[in-house]
Amino acid sequence: MFLIREFKFDAAHNLTSYKGKCERLHGHTYKLVVKLQGEPDNEGMIIDFVELKRIVEEKVLKKFDHSYINEIIPQPTAENIAEYIFKELSEALKRENCSLYEVEVWETESCGVIYRGEKSCS
């Protein structure tokens, strides 16, 4: 079973190792989707949505919302942002009955990345 919660944050960045318009400073309203995989506990929940919100706000949104992401991640592509967020949340969301399955980071309505904690390219 999967549990999903969606968040939004506004932030600016520029891609310093990229040649094109995204190398200039610009911003996005990012959509972050956090997905956990697990089984309901004795209360019938994988995790309380309130607890999930608190953890994501503490570990991610407090750092990223209205920030210049380059101060957190040197080359803040959607891919690198998703990997960073996954690593920030993974341990905090580990429970006996569930764990973090994936995060989605959307820069626009049509451009996003899904990261599941593994690197598949060699």
PDB file of N, CA and C in Angstrom:
ATOM      1  N   MET A   1       0.850  -1.167   0.000  1.00  0.00           N
ATOM      2  CA  MET A   1       0.000   0.000   0.000  1.00  0.00           C
ATOM      3  C   MET A   1       0.900   1.236   0.000  1.00  0.00           C
ATOM      4  N   PHE A   2       0.444   2.278  -0.674  1.00  0.00           N
ATOM      5  CA  PHE A   2       1.202   3.528  -0.742  1.00  0.00           C
ATOM      6  C   PHE A   2       0.406   4.659  -0.098  1.00  0.00           C
ATOM      7  N   LEU A   3       1.105   5.520   0.596  1.00  0.00           N
ATOM      8  CA  LEU A   3       0.530   6.734   1.167  1.00  0.00           C
ATOM      9  C   LEU A   3       1.243   7.906   0.512  1.00  0.00           C
ATOM     10  N   ILE A   4       0.465   8.888   0.063  1.00  0.00           N
ATOM     11  CA  ILE A   4       1.026  10.015  -0.693  1.00  0.00           C
ATOM     12  C   ILE A   4       0.567  11.327  -0.076  1.00  0.00           C
ATOM     13  N   ARG A   5       1.491  12.269  -0.021  1.00  0.00           N
ATOM     14  CA  ARG A   5       1.147  13.640   0.382  1.00  0.00           C
ATOM     15  C   ARG A   5       1.903  14.598  -0.521  1.00  0.00           C
ATOM     16  N   GLU A   6       1.222  15.663  -0.901  1.00  0.00           N
ATOM     17  CA  GLU A   6       1.771  16.657  -1.816  1.00  0.00           C
ATOM     18  C   GLU A   6       2.040  17.960  -1.066  1.00  0.00           C
ATOM     19  N   PHE A   7       3.136  18.616  -1.447  1.00  0.00           N
ATOM     20  CA  PHE A   7       3.541  19.892  -0.848  1.00  0.00           C
ATOM     21  C   PHE A   7       3.947  20.849  -1.966  1.00  0.00           C
ATOM     22  N   LYS A   8       3.999  22.133  -1.644  1.00  0.00           N
ATOM     23  CA  LYS A   8       4.485  23.135  -2.594  1.00  0.00           C
ATOM     24  C   LYS A   8       5.468  24.045  -1.877  1.00  0.00           C
ATOM     25  N   PHE A   9       6.450  24.528  -2.638  1.00  0.00           N
ATOM     26  CA  PHE A   9       7.344  25.543  -2.104  1.00  0.00           C
ATOM     27  C   PHE A   9       7.845  26.392  -3.263  1.00  0.00           C
ATOM     28  N   ASP A  10       8.153  27.638  -2.954  1.00  0.00           N
ATOM     29  CA  ASP A  10       8.681  28.578  -3.930  1.00  0.00           C
ATOM     30  C   ASP A  10      10.164  28.770  -3.664  1.00  0.00           C
ATOM     31  N   ALA A  11      10.964  28.731  -4.730  1.00  0.00           N
ATOM     32  CA  ALA A  11      12.403  28.893  -4.562  1.00  0.00           C
ATOM     33  C   ALA A  11      13.029  29.344  -5.875  1.00  0.00           C
ATOM     34  N   ALA A  12      14.229  29.901  -5.750  1.00  0.00           N
ATOM     35  CA  ALA A  12      15.000  30.345  -6.910  1.00  0.00           C
ATOM     36  C   ALA A  12      16.254  29.498  -7.039  1.00  0.00           C
ATOM     37  N   HIS A  13      16.755  29.419  -8.265  1.00  0.00           N
ATOM     38  CA  HIS A  13      18.016  28.718  -8.515  1.00  0.00           C
ATOM     39  C   HIS A  13      18.547  29.133  -9.877  1.00  0.00           C
ATOM     40  N   ASN A  14      19.764  28.741 -10.130  1.00  0.00           N
ATOM     41  CA  ASN A  14      20.326  28.816 -11.476  1.00  0.00           C
ATOM     42  C   ASN A  14      21.281  27.640 -11.634  1.00  0.00           C
ATOM     43  N   LEU A  15      21.379  27.154 -12.860  1.00  0.00           N
ATOM     44  CA  LEU A  15      22.193  25.976 -13.138  1.00  0.00           C
ATOM     45  C   LEU A  15      23.546  26.425 -13.656  1.00  0.00           C
ATOM     46  N   THR A  16      24.526  26.384 -12.775  1.00  0.00           N
ATOM     47  CA  THR A  16      25.849  26.934 -13.076  1.00  0.00           C
ATOM     48  C   THR A  16      26.649  26.062 -14.044  1.00  0.00           C
ATOM     49  N   SER A  17      26.350  24.777 -14.134  1.00  0.00           N
ATOM     50  CA  SER A  17      27.065  23.877 -15.048  1.00  0.00           C
ATOM     51  C   SER A  17      26.205  23.556 -16.258  1.00  0.00           C
ATOM     52  N   TYR A  18      25.481  24.535 -16.740  1.00  0.00           N
ATOM     53  CA  TYR A  18      24.558  24.348 -17.849  1.00  0.00           C
ATOM     54  C   TYR A  18      24.649  25.555 -18.759  1.00  0.00           C
ATOM     55  N   LYS A  19      24.604  25.315 -20.051  1.00  0.00           N
ATOM     56  CA  LYS A  19      24.612  26.408 -21.016  1.00  0.00           C
ATOM     57  C   LYS A  19      23.218  26.517 -21.612  1.00  0.00           C
ATOM     58  N   GLY A  20      22.543  27.581 -21.312  1.00  0.00           N
ATOM     59  CA  GLY A  20      21.184  27.798 -21.779  1.00  0.00           C
ATOM     60  C   GLY A  20      20.484  28.761 -20.850  1.00  0.00           C
ATOM     61  N   LYS A  21      19.210  28.994 -21.090  1.00  0.00           N
ATOM     62  CA  LYS A  21      18.515  30.023 -20.309  1.00  0.00           C
ATOM     63  C   LYS A  21      18.423  29.694 -18.814  1.00  0.00           C
ATOM     64  N   CYS A  22      18.485  28.434 -18.433  1.00  0.00           N
ATOM     65  CA  CYS A  22      18.391  28.076 -17.010  1.00  0.00           C
ATOM     66  C   CYS A  22      19.674  28.365 -16.230  1.00  0.00           C
ATOM     67  N   GLU A  23      20.730  28.808 -16.921  1.00  0.00           N
ATOM     68  CA  GLU A  23      21.931  29.211 -16.180  1.00  0.00           C
ATOM     69  C   GLU A  23      21.719  30.571 -15.525  1.00  0.00           C
ATOM     70  N   ARG A  24      20.679  31.299 -15.950  1.00  0.00           N
ATOM     71  CA  ARG A  24      20.347  32.585 -15.328  1.00  0.00           C
ATOM     72  C   ARG A  24      19.436  32.349 -14.118  1.00  0.00           C
ATOM     73  N   LEU A  25      19.521  33.223 -13.161  1.00  0.00           N
ATOM     74  CA  LEU A  25      18.689  33.126 -11.963  1.00  0.00           C
ATOM     75  C   LEU A  25      17.209  33.158 -12.343  1.00  0.00           C
ATOM     76  N   HIS A  26      16.453  32.212 -11.812  1.00  0.00           N
ATOM     77  CA  HIS A  26      15.009  32.153 -12.040  1.00  0.00           C
ATOM     78  C   HIS A  26      14.373  31.358 -10.904  1.00  0.00           C
ATOM     79  N   GLY A  27      13.058  31.352 -10.860  1.00  0.00           N
ATOM     80  CA  GLY A  27      12.361  30.665  -9.782  1.00  0.00           C
ATOM     81  C   GLY A  27      11.248  29.767 -10.280  1.00  0.00           C
ATOM     82  N   HIS A  28      10.790  28.920  -9.359  1.00  0.00           N
ATOM     83  CA  HIS A  28       9.685  28.000  -9.636  1.00  0.00           C
ATOM     84  C   HIS A  28       8.806  27.906  -8.398  1.00  0.00           C
ATOM     85  N   THR A  29       7.549  27.540  -8.630  1.00  0.00           N
ATOM     86  CA  THR A  29       6.714  27.010  -7.564  1.00  0.00           C
ATOM     87  C   THR A  29       6.801  25.503  -7.726  1.00  0.00           C
ATOM     88  N   TYR A  30       7.605  24.880  -6.879  1.00  0.00           N
ATOM     89  CA  TYR A  30       7.844  23.447  -6.956  1.00  0.00           C
ATOM     90  C   TYR A  30       6.694  22.682  -6.320  1.00  0.00           C
ATOM     91  N   LYS A  31       6.397  21.533  -6.903  1.00  0.00           N
ATOM     92  CA  LYS A  31       5.488  20.583  -6.262  1.00  0.00           C
ATOM     93  C   LYS A  31       6.345  19.415  -5.807  1.00  0.00           C
ATOM     94  N   LEU A  32       6.195  19.036  -4.562  1.00  0.00           N
ATOM     95  CA  LEU A  32       6.898  17.901  -3.982  1.00  0.00           C
ATOM     96  C   LEU A  32       5.865  16.856  -3.590  1.00  0.00           C
ATOM     97  N   VAL A  33       6.035  15.643  -4.086  1.00  0.00           N
ATOM     98  CA  VAL A  33       5.163  14.534  -3.724  1.00  0.00           C
ATOM     99  C   VAL A  33       6.004  13.517  -2.969  1.00  0.00           C
ATOM    100  N   VAL A  34       5.570  13.197  -1.755  1.00  0.00           N
ATOM    101  CA  VAL A  34       6.265  12.227  -0.911  1.00  0.00           C
ATOM    102  C   VAL A  34       5.395  10.979  -0.844  1.00  0.00           C
ATOM    103  N   LYS A  35       5.998   9.825  -1.177  1.00  0.00           N
ATOM    104  CA  LYS A  35       5.247   8.569  -1.202  1.00  0.00           C
ATOM    105  C   LYS A  35       5.918   7.554  -0.291  1.00  0.00           C
ATOM    106  N   LEU A  36       5.133   7.013   0.643  1.00  0.00           N
ATOM    107  CA  LEU A  36       5.607   5.960   1.540  1.00  0.00           C
ATOM    108  C   LEU A  36       4.965   4.643   1.148  1.00  0.00           C
ATOM    109  N   GLN A  37       5.686   3.541   1.359  1.00  0.00           N
ATOM    110  CA  GLN A  37       5.147   2.210   1.137  1.00  0.00           C
ATOM    111  C   GLN A  37       5.098   1.493   2.470  1.00  0.00           C
ATOM    112  N   GLY A  38       3.967   0.858   2.754  1.00  0.00           N
ATOM    113  CA  GLY A  38       3.876   0.139   4.007  1.00  0.00           C
ATOM    114  C   GLY A  38       2.520  -0.486   4.222  1.00  0.00           C
ATOM    115  N   GLU A  39       2.304  -0.893   5.449  1.00  0.00           N
ATOM    116  CA  GLU A  39       1.039  -1.500   5.860  1.00  0.00           C
ATOM    117  C   GLU A  39       0.459  -0.704   7.015  1.00  0.00           C
ATOM    118  N   PRO A  40      -0.858  -0.582   7.078  1.00  0.00           N
ATOM    119  CA  PRO A  40      -1.469   0.143   8.193  1.00  0.00           C
ATOM    120  C   PRO A  40      -1.102  -0.480   9.542  1.00  0.00           C
ATOM    121  N   ASP A  41      -0.906   0.401  10.534  1.00  0.00           N
ATOM    122  CA  ASP A  41      -0.583  -0.048  11.885  1.00  0.00           C
ATOM    123  C   ASP A  41      -1.865  -0.370  12.647  1.00  0.00           C
ATOM    124  N   ASN A  42      -1.768  -0.528  13.966  1.00  0.00           N
ATOM    125  CA  ASN A  42      -2.937  -0.885  14.778  1.00  0.00           C
ATOM    126  C   ASN A  42      -3.979   0.230  14.835  1.00  0.00           C
ATOM    127  N   GLU A  43      -3.613   1.447  14.400  1.00  0.00           N
ATOM    128  CA  GLU A  43      -4.580   2.544  14.292  1.00  0.00           C
ATOM    129  C   GLU A  43      -5.173   2.623  12.891  1.00  0.00           C
ATOM    130  N   GLY A  44      -4.737   1.730  12.008  1.00  0.00           N
ATOM    131  CA  GLY A  44      -5.243   1.691  10.646  1.00  0.00           C
ATOM    132  C   GLY A  44      -4.574   2.669   9.700  1.00  0.00           C
ATOM    133  N   MET A  45      -3.379   3.180  10.095  1.00  0.00           N
ATOM    134  CA  MET A  45      -2.680   4.154   9.266  1.00  0.00           C
ATOM    135  C   MET A  45      -1.259   3.695   8.951  1.00  0.00           C
ATOM    136  N   ILE A  46      -0.783   4.040   7.764  1.00  0.00           N
ATOM    137  CA  ILE A  46       0.623   3.833   7.434  1.00  0.00           C
ATOM    138  C   ILE A  46       1.449   4.837   8.229  1.00  0.00           C
ATOM    139  N   ILE A  47       1.039   6.096   8.197  1.00  0.00           N
ATOM    140  CA  ILE A  47       1.589   7.160   9.035  1.00  0.00           C
ATOM    141  C   ILE A  47       0.523   8.238   9.102  1.00  0.00           C
ATOM    142  N   ASP A  48       0.451   8.927  10.196  1.00  0.00           N
ATOM    143  CA  ASP A  48      -0.493  10.028  10.347  1.00  0.00           C
ATOM    144  C   ASP A  48      -0.091  11.148   9.393  1.00  0.00           C
ATOM    145  N   PHE A  49      -1.036  11.647   8.589  1.00  0.00           N
ATOM    146  CA  PHE A  49      -0.740  12.733   7.655  1.00  0.00           C
ATOM    147  C   PHE A  49      -0.174  13.961   8.371  1.00  0.00           C
ATOM    148  N   VAL A  50      -0.613  14.198   9.592  1.00  0.00           N
ATOM    149  CA  VAL A  50      -0.123  15.335  10.372  1.00  0.00           C
ATOM    150  C   VAL A  50       1.358  15.153  10.700  1.00  0.00           C
ATOM    151  N   GLU A  51       1.749  13.944  11.084  1.00  0.00           N
ATOM    152  CA  GLU A  51       3.149  13.665  11.381  1.00  0.00           C
ATOM    153  C   GLU A  51       4.011  13.780  10.122  1.00  0.00           C
ATOM    154  N   LEU A  52       3.503  13.261   9.011  1.00  0.00           N
ATOM    155  CA  LEU A  52       4.231  13.367   7.747  1.00  0.00           C
ATOM    156  C   LEU A  52       4.446  14.834   7.380  1.00  0.00           C
ATOM    157  N   LYS A  53       3.421  15.645   7.519  1.00  0.00           N
ATOM    158  CA  LYS A  53       3.543  17.073   7.213  1.00  0.00           C
ATOM    159  C   LYS A  53       4.594  17.726   8.102  1.00  0.00           C
ATOM    160  N   ARG A  54       4.589  17.417   9.384  1.00  0.00           N
ATOM    161  CA  ARG A  54       5.553  18.005  10.320  1.00  0.00           C
ATOM    162  C   ARG A  54       6.987  17.651   9.926  1.00  0.00           C
ATOM    163  N   ILE A  55       7.214  16.401   9.572  1.00  0.00           N
ATOM    164  CA  ILE A  55       8.558  15.951   9.204  1.00  0.00           C
ATOM    165  C   ILE A  55       9.023  16.622   7.918  1.00  0.00           C
ATOM    166  N   VAL A  56       8.169  16.687   6.913  1.00  0.00           N
ATOM    167  CA  VAL A  56       8.548  17.307   5.641  1.00  0.00           C
ATOM    168  C   VAL A  56       8.794  18.800   5.832  1.00  0.00           C
ATOM    169  N   GLU A  57       7.965  19.454   6.632  1.00  0.00           N
ATOM    170  CA  GLU A  57       8.196  20.880   6.895  1.00  0.00           C
ATOM    171  C   GLU A  57       9.529  21.099   7.593  1.00  0.00           C
ATOM    172  N   GLU A  58       9.837  20.265   8.589  1.00  0.00           N
ATOM    173  CA  GLU A  58      11.071  20.413   9.360  1.00  0.00           C
ATOM    174  C   GLU A  58      12.314  20.095   8.527  1.00  0.00           C
ATOM    175  N   LYS A  59      12.279  19.002   7.781  1.00  0.00           N
ATOM    176  CA  LYS A  59      13.468  18.524   7.064  1.00  0.00           C
ATOM    177  C   LYS A  59      13.662  19.170   5.693  1.00  0.00           C
ATOM    178  N   VAL A  60      12.578  19.646   5.067  1.00  0.00           N
ATOM    179  CA  VAL A  60      12.681  20.119   3.688  1.00  0.00           C
ATOM    180  C   VAL A  60      12.160  21.545   3.520  1.00  0.00           C
ATOM    181  N   LEU A  61      10.901  21.758   3.803  1.00  0.00           N
ATOM    182  CA  LEU A  61      10.280  23.042   3.476  1.00  0.00           C
ATOM    183  C   LEU A  61      10.917  24.207   4.207  1.00  0.00           C
ATOM    184  N   LYS A  62      11.311  24.002   5.448  1.00  0.00           N
ATOM    185  CA  LYS A  62      11.970  25.066   6.206  1.00  0.00           C
ATOM    186  C   LYS A  62      13.253  25.526   5.518  1.00  0.00           C
ATOM    187  N   LYS A  63      13.954  24.611   4.865  1.00  0.00           N
ATOM    188  CA  LYS A  63      15.195  24.937   4.156  1.00  0.00           C
ATOM    189  C   LYS A  63      14.933  25.507   2.760  1.00  0.00           C
ATOM    190  N   PHE A  64      13.958  24.934   2.054  1.00  0.00           N
ATOM    191  CA  PHE A  64      13.786  25.220   0.631  1.00  0.00           C
ATOM    192  C   PHE A  64      12.821  26.356   0.321  1.00  0.00           C
ATOM    193  N   ASP A  65      11.764  26.525   1.108  1.00  0.00           N
ATOM    194  CA  ASP A  65      10.753  27.515   0.753  1.00  0.00           C
ATOM    195  C   ASP A  65      11.326  28.925   0.811  1.00  0.00           C
ATOM    196  N   HIS A  66      11.149  29.672  -0.274  1.00  0.00           N
ATOM    197  CA  HIS A  66      11.653  31.039  -0.431  1.00  0.00           C
ATOM    198  C   HIS A  66      13.165  31.107  -0.196  1.00  0.00           C
ATOM    199  N   SER A  67      13.867  30.143  -0.780  1.00  0.00           N
ATOM    200  CA  SER A  67      15.324  30.109  -0.658  1.00  0.00           C
ATOM    201  C   SER A  67      15.973  30.224  -2.030  1.00  0.00           C
ATOM    202  N   TYR A  68      17.275  30.410  -1.997  1.00  0.00           N
ATOM    203  CA  TYR A  68      18.113  30.309  -3.181  1.00  0.00           C
ATOM    204  C   TYR A  68      18.752  28.933  -3.086  1.00  0.00           C
ATOM    205  N   ILE A  69      18.249  27.970  -3.838  1.00  0.00           N
ATOM    206  CA  ILE A  69      18.612  26.566  -3.661  1.00  0.00           C
ATOM    207  C   ILE A  69      20.096  26.315  -3.886  1.00  0.00           C
ATOM    208  N   ASN A  70      20.776  27.150  -4.674  1.00  0.00           N
ATOM    209  CA  ASN A  70      22.208  26.964  -4.895  1.00  0.00           C
ATOM    210  C   ASN A  70      23.005  27.030  -3.592  1.00  0.00           C
ATOM    211  N   GLU A  71      22.458  27.657  -2.568  1.00  0.00           N
ATOM    212  CA  GLU A  71      23.132  27.698  -1.267  1.00  0.00           C
ATOM    213  C   GLU A  71      23.020  26.363  -0.526  1.00  0.00           C
ATOM    214  N   ILE A  72      22.136  25.479  -0.998  1.00  0.00           N
ATOM    215  CA  ILE A  72      21.929  24.163  -0.382  1.00  0.00           C
ATOM    216  C   ILE A  72      22.533  23.066  -1.259  1.00  0.00           C
ATOM    217  N   ILE A  73      22.294  23.169  -2.574  1.00  0.00           N
ATOM    218  CA  ILE A  73      22.742  22.182  -3.553  1.00  0.00           C
ATOM    219  C   ILE A  73      23.479  22.934  -4.661  1.00  0.00           C
ATOM    220  N   PRO A  74      24.767  22.639  -4.883  1.00  0.00           N
ATOM    221  CA  PRO A  74      25.554  23.421  -5.842  1.00  0.00           C
ATOM    222  C   PRO A  74      24.982  23.471  -7.263  1.00  0.00           C
ATOM    223  N   GLN A  75      24.496  22.371  -7.792  1.00  0.00           N
ATOM    224  CA  GLN A  75      23.894  22.322  -9.135  1.00  0.00           C
ATOM    225  C   GLN A  75      22.451  21.825  -8.962  1.00  0.00           C
ATOM    226  N   PRO A  76      21.518  22.736  -8.628  1.00  0.00           N
ATOM    227  CA  PRO A  76      20.179  22.323  -8.220  1.00  0.00           C
ATOM    228  C   PRO A  76      19.227  21.995  -9.376  1.00  0.00           C
ATOM    229  N   THR A  77      19.560  20.945 -10.119  1.00  0.00           N
ATOM    230  CA  THR A  77      18.633  20.409 -11.108  1.00  0.00           C
ATOM    231  C   THR A  77      17.488  19.723 -10.363  1.00  0.00           C
ATOM    232  N   ALA A  78      16.401  19.465 -11.040  1.00  0.00           N
ATOM    233  CA  ALA A  78      15.294  18.729 -10.418  1.00  0.00           C
ATOM    234  C   ALA A  78      15.781  17.363  -9.927  1.00  0.00           C
ATOM    235  N   GLU A  79      16.679  16.743 -10.698  1.00  0.00           N
ATOM    236  CA  GLU A  79      17.231  15.439 -10.319  1.00  0.00           C
ATOM    237  C   GLU A  79      17.992  15.524  -9.003  1.00  0.00           C
ATOM    238  N   ASN A  80      18.870  16.526  -8.882  1.00  0.00           N
ATOM    239  CA  ASN A  80      19.674  16.671  -7.663  1.00  0.00           C
ATOM    240  C   ASN A  80      18.818  17.089  -6.472  1.00  0.00           C
ATOM    241  N   ILE A  81      17.801  17.894  -6.703  1.00  0.00           N
ATOM    242  CA  ILE A  81      16.891  18.288  -5.630  1.00  0.00           C
ATOM    243  C   ILE A  81      16.135  17.063  -5.116  1.00  0.00           C
ATOM    244  N   ALA A  82      15.622  16.240  -6.024  1.00  0.00           N
ATOM    245  CA  ALA A  82      14.885  15.036  -5.621  1.00  0.00           C
ATOM    246  C   ALA A  82      15.761  14.086  -4.813  1.00  0.00           C
ATOM    247  N   GLU A  83      16.999  13.884  -5.256  1.00  0.00           N
ATOM    248  CA  GLU A  83      17.912  12.997  -4.522  1.00  0.00           C
ATOM    249  C   GLU A  83      18.207  13.555  -3.129  1.00  0.00           C
ATOM    250  N   TYR A  84      18.460  14.856  -3.034  1.00  0.00           N
ATOM    251  CA  TYR A  84      18.743  15.494  -1.750  1.00  0.00           C
ATOM    252  C   TYR A  84      17.554  15.329  -0.802  1.00  0.00           C
ATOM    253  N   ILE A  85      16.356  15.611  -1.289  1.00  0.00           N
ATOM    254  CA  ILE A  85      15.164  15.512  -0.442  1.00  0.00           C
ATOM    255  C   ILE A  85      14.940  14.076   0.011  1.00  0.00           C
ATOM    256  N   PHE A  86      15.128  13.120  -0.888  1.00  0.00           N
ATOM    257  CA  PHE A  86      14.966  11.716  -0.508  1.00  0.00           C
ATOM    258  C   PHE A  86      15.901  11.369   0.651  1.00  0.00           C
ATOM    259  N   LYS A  87      17.150  11.774   0.523  1.00  0.00           N
ATOM    260  CA  LYS A  87      18.130  11.471   1.576  1.00  0.00           C
ATOM    261  C   LYS A  87      17.781  12.167   2.892  1.00  0.00           C
ATOM    262  N   GLU A  88      17.255  13.381   2.817  1.00  0.00           N
ATOM    263  CA  GLU A  88      16.858  14.108   4.026  1.00  0.00           C
ATOM    264  C   GLU A  88      15.686  13.431   4.744  1.00  0.00           C
ATOM    265  N   LEU A  89      14.770  12.838   3.979  1.00  0.00           N
ATOM    266  CA  LEU A  89      13.547  12.274   4.560  1.00  0.00           C
ATOM    267  C   LEU A  89      13.638  10.790   4.893  1.00  0.00           C
ATOM    268  N   SER A  90      14.503  10.065   4.235  1.00  0.00           N
ATOM    269  CA  SER A  90      14.515   8.610   4.315  1.00  0.00           C
ATOM    270  C   SER A  90      14.569   8.083   5.754  1.00  0.00           C
ATOM    271  N   GLU A  91      15.534   8.511   6.514  1.00  0.00           N
ATOM    272  CA  GLU A  91      15.688   8.014   7.889  1.00  0.00           C
ATOM    273  C   GLU A  91      14.551   8.497   8.792  1.00  0.00           C
ATOM    274  N   ALA A  92      14.146   9.744   8.623  1.00  0.00           N
ATOM    275  CA  ALA A  92      13.091  10.322   9.467  1.00  0.00           C
ATOM    276  C   ALA A  92      11.742   9.650   9.246  1.00  0.00           C
ATOM    277  N   LEU A  93      11.536   9.047   8.084  1.00  0.00           N
ATOM    278  CA  LEU A  93      10.252   8.413   7.781  1.00  0.00           C
ATOM    279  C   LEU A  93      10.286   6.896   7.903  1.00  0.00           C
ATOM    280  N   LYS A  94      11.391   6.352   8.336  1.00  0.00           N
ATOM    281  CA  LYS A  94      11.504   4.900   8.499  1.00  0.00           C
ATOM    282  C   LYS A  94      10.734   4.476   9.748  1.00  0.00           C
ATOM    283  N   ARG A  95       9.821   3.545   9.579  1.00  0.00           N
ATOM    284  CA  ARG A  95       9.020   3.006  10.668  1.00  0.00           C
ATOM    285  C   ARG A  95       9.028   1.483  10.569  1.00  0.00           C
ATOM    286  N   GLU A  96       8.519   0.844  11.588  1.00  0.00           N
ATOM    287  CA  GLU A  96       8.414  -0.611  11.581  1.00  0.00           C
ATOM    288  C   GLU A  96       7.502  -1.086  10.451  1.00  0.00           C
ATOM    289  N   ASN A  97       6.476  -0.297  10.159  1.00  0.00           N
ATOM    290  CA  ASN A  97       5.465  -0.700   9.188  1.00  0.00           C
ATOM    291  C   ASN A  97       5.593  -0.020   7.820  1.00  0.00           C
ATOM    292  N   CYS A  98       6.555   0.915   7.665  1.00  0.00           N
ATOM    293  CA  CYS A  98       6.646   1.631   6.393  1.00  0.00           C
ATOM    294  C   CYS A  98       8.010   2.283   6.212  1.00  0.00           C
ATOM    295  N   SER A  99       8.236   2.733   4.991  1.00  0.00           N
ATOM    296  CA  SER A  99       9.453   3.477   4.681  1.00  0.00           C
ATOM    297  C   SER A  99       9.176   4.375   3.473  1.00  0.00           C
ATOM    298  N   LEU A 100      10.060   5.318   3.268  1.00  0.00           N
ATOM    299  CA  LEU A 100       9.956   6.208   2.124  1.00  0.00           C
ATOM    300  C   LEU A 100      10.150   5.403   0.849  1.00  0.00           C
ATOM    301  N   TYR A 101       9.232   5.537  -0.088  1.00  0.00           N
ATOM    302  CA  TYR A 101       9.315   4.806  -1.355  1.00  0.00           C
ATOM    303  C   TYR A 101       9.910   5.682  -2.452  1.00  0.00           C
ATOM    304  N   GLU A 102       9.394   6.911  -2.591  1.00  0.00           N
ATOM    305  CA  GLU A 102       9.909   7.806  -3.617  1.00  0.00           C
ATOM    306  C   GLU A 102       9.499   9.235  -3.330  1.00  0.00           C
ATOM    307  N   VAL A 103      10.217  10.152  -3.952  1.00  0.00           N
ATOM    308  CA  VAL A 103       9.818  11.555  -3.967  1.00  0.00           C
ATOM    309  C   VAL A 103       9.729  12.005  -5.420  1.00  0.00           C
ATOM    310  N   GLU A 104       8.775  12.876  -5.673  1.00  0.00           N
ATOM    311  CA  GLU A 104       8.643  13.514  -6.976  1.00  0.00           C
ATOM    312  C   GLU A 104       8.905  14.999  -6.769  1.00  0.00           C
ATOM    313  N   VAL A 105       9.676  15.598  -7.655  1.00  0.00           N
ATOM    314  CA  VAL A 105       9.910  17.036  -7.645  1.00  0.00           C
ATOM    315  C   VAL A 105       9.497  17.560  -9.011  1.00  0.00           C
ATOM    316  N   TRP A 106       8.523  18.451  -9.017  1.00  0.00           N
ATOM    317  CA  TRP A 106       8.002  19.057 -10.236  1.00  0.00           C
ATOM    318  C   TRP A 106       8.384  20.523 -10.262  1.00  0.00           C
ATOM    319  N   GLU A 107       9.118  20.941 -11.301  1.00  0.00           N
ATOM    320  CA  GLU A 107       9.463  22.359 -11.479  1.00  0.00           C
ATOM    321  C   GLU A 107       8.316  23.119 -12.135  1.00  0.00           C
ATOM    322  N   THR A 108       7.612  22.449 -13.018  1.00  0.00           N
ATOM    323  CA  THR A 108       6.457  23.034 -13.700  1.00  0.00           C
ATOM    324  C   THR A 108       5.366  21.971 -13.725  1.00  0.00           C
ATOM    325  N   GLU A 109       4.217  22.297 -14.275  1.00  0.00           N
ATOM    326  CA  GLU A 109       3.139  21.313 -14.368  1.00  0.00           C
ATOM    327  C   GLU A 109       3.507  20.124 -15.245  1.00  0.00           C
ATOM    328  N   SER A 110       4.460  20.320 -16.169  1.00  0.00           N
ATOM    329  CA  SER A 110       4.773  19.255 -17.113  1.00  0.00           C
ATOM    330  C   SER A 110       6.205  18.724 -17.022  1.00  0.00           C
ATOM    331  N   CYS A 111       7.022  19.222 -16.084  1.00  0.00           N
ATOM    332  CA  CYS A 111       8.419  18.792 -15.981  1.00  0.00           C
ATOM    333  C   CYS A 111       8.753  18.406 -14.546  1.00  0.00           C
ATOM    334  N   GLY A 112       9.038  17.126 -14.350  1.00  0.00           N
ATOM    335  CA  GLY A 112       9.349  16.659 -13.008  1.00  0.00           C
ATOM    336  C   GLY A 112      10.250  15.439 -13.026  1.00  0.00           C
ATOM    337  N   VAL A 113      10.644  15.023 -11.827  1.00  0.00           N
ATOM    338  CA  VAL A 113      11.560  13.902 -11.627  1.00  0.00           C
ATOM    339  C   VAL A 113      11.019  13.035 -10.500  1.00  0.00           C
ATOM    340  N   ILE A 114      11.190  11.724 -10.645  1.00  0.00           N
ATOM    341  CA  ILE A 114      10.881  10.775  -9.582  1.00  0.00           C
ATOM    342  C   ILE A 114      12.190  10.136  -9.144  1.00  0.00           C
ATOM    343  N   TYR A 115      12.431  10.102  -7.827  1.00  0.00           N
ATOM    344  CA  TYR A 115      13.651   9.473  -7.306  1.00  0.00           C
ATOM    345  C   TYR A 115      13.261   8.451  -6.238  1.00  0.00           C
ATOM    346  N   ARG A 116      13.802   7.244  -6.364  1.00  0.00           N
ATOM    347  CA  ARG A 116      13.489   6.160  -5.440  1.00  0.00           C
ATOM    348  C   ARG A 116      14.675   5.710  -4.599  1.00  0.00           C
ATOM    349  N   GLY A 117      15.710   6.492  -4.565  1.00  0.00           N
ATOM    350  CA  GLY A 117      16.807   6.162  -3.674  1.00  0.00           C
ATOM    351  C   GLY A 117      17.904   5.319  -4.256  1.00  0.00           C
ATOM    352  N   GLU A 118      17.818   5.016  -5.518  1.00  0.00           N
ATOM    353  CA  GLU A 118      18.872   4.215  -6.129  1.00  0.00           C
ATOM    354  C   GLU A 118      19.445   4.962  -7.315  1.00  0.00           C
ATOM    355  N   LYS A 119      20.652   4.596  -7.675  1.00  0.00           N
ATOM    356  CA  LYS A 119      21.264   5.096  -8.897  1.00  0.00           C
ATOM    357  C   LYS A 119      21.296   3.940  -9.862  1.00  0.00           C
ATOM    358  N   SER A 120      20.657   4.124 -11.007  1.00  0.00           N
ATOM    359  CA  SER A 120      20.572   3.016 -11.958  1.00  0.00           C
ATOM    360  C   SER A 120      21.601   3.096 -13.075  1.00  0.00           C
ATOM    361  N   CYS A 121      22.217   4.253 -13.262  1.00  0.00           N
ATOM    362  CA  CYS A 121      23.227   4.396 -14.326  1.00  0.00           C
ATOM    363  C   CYS A 121      24.623   4.144 -13.755  1.00  0.00           C
ATOM    364  N   SER A 122      25.470   3.506 -14.540  1.00  0.00           N
ATOM    365  CA  SER A 122      26.838   3.243 -14.081  1.00  0.00           C
ATOM    366  C   SER A 122      27.821   4.092 -14.836  1.00  0.00           C
TER     367      SER A 122
END
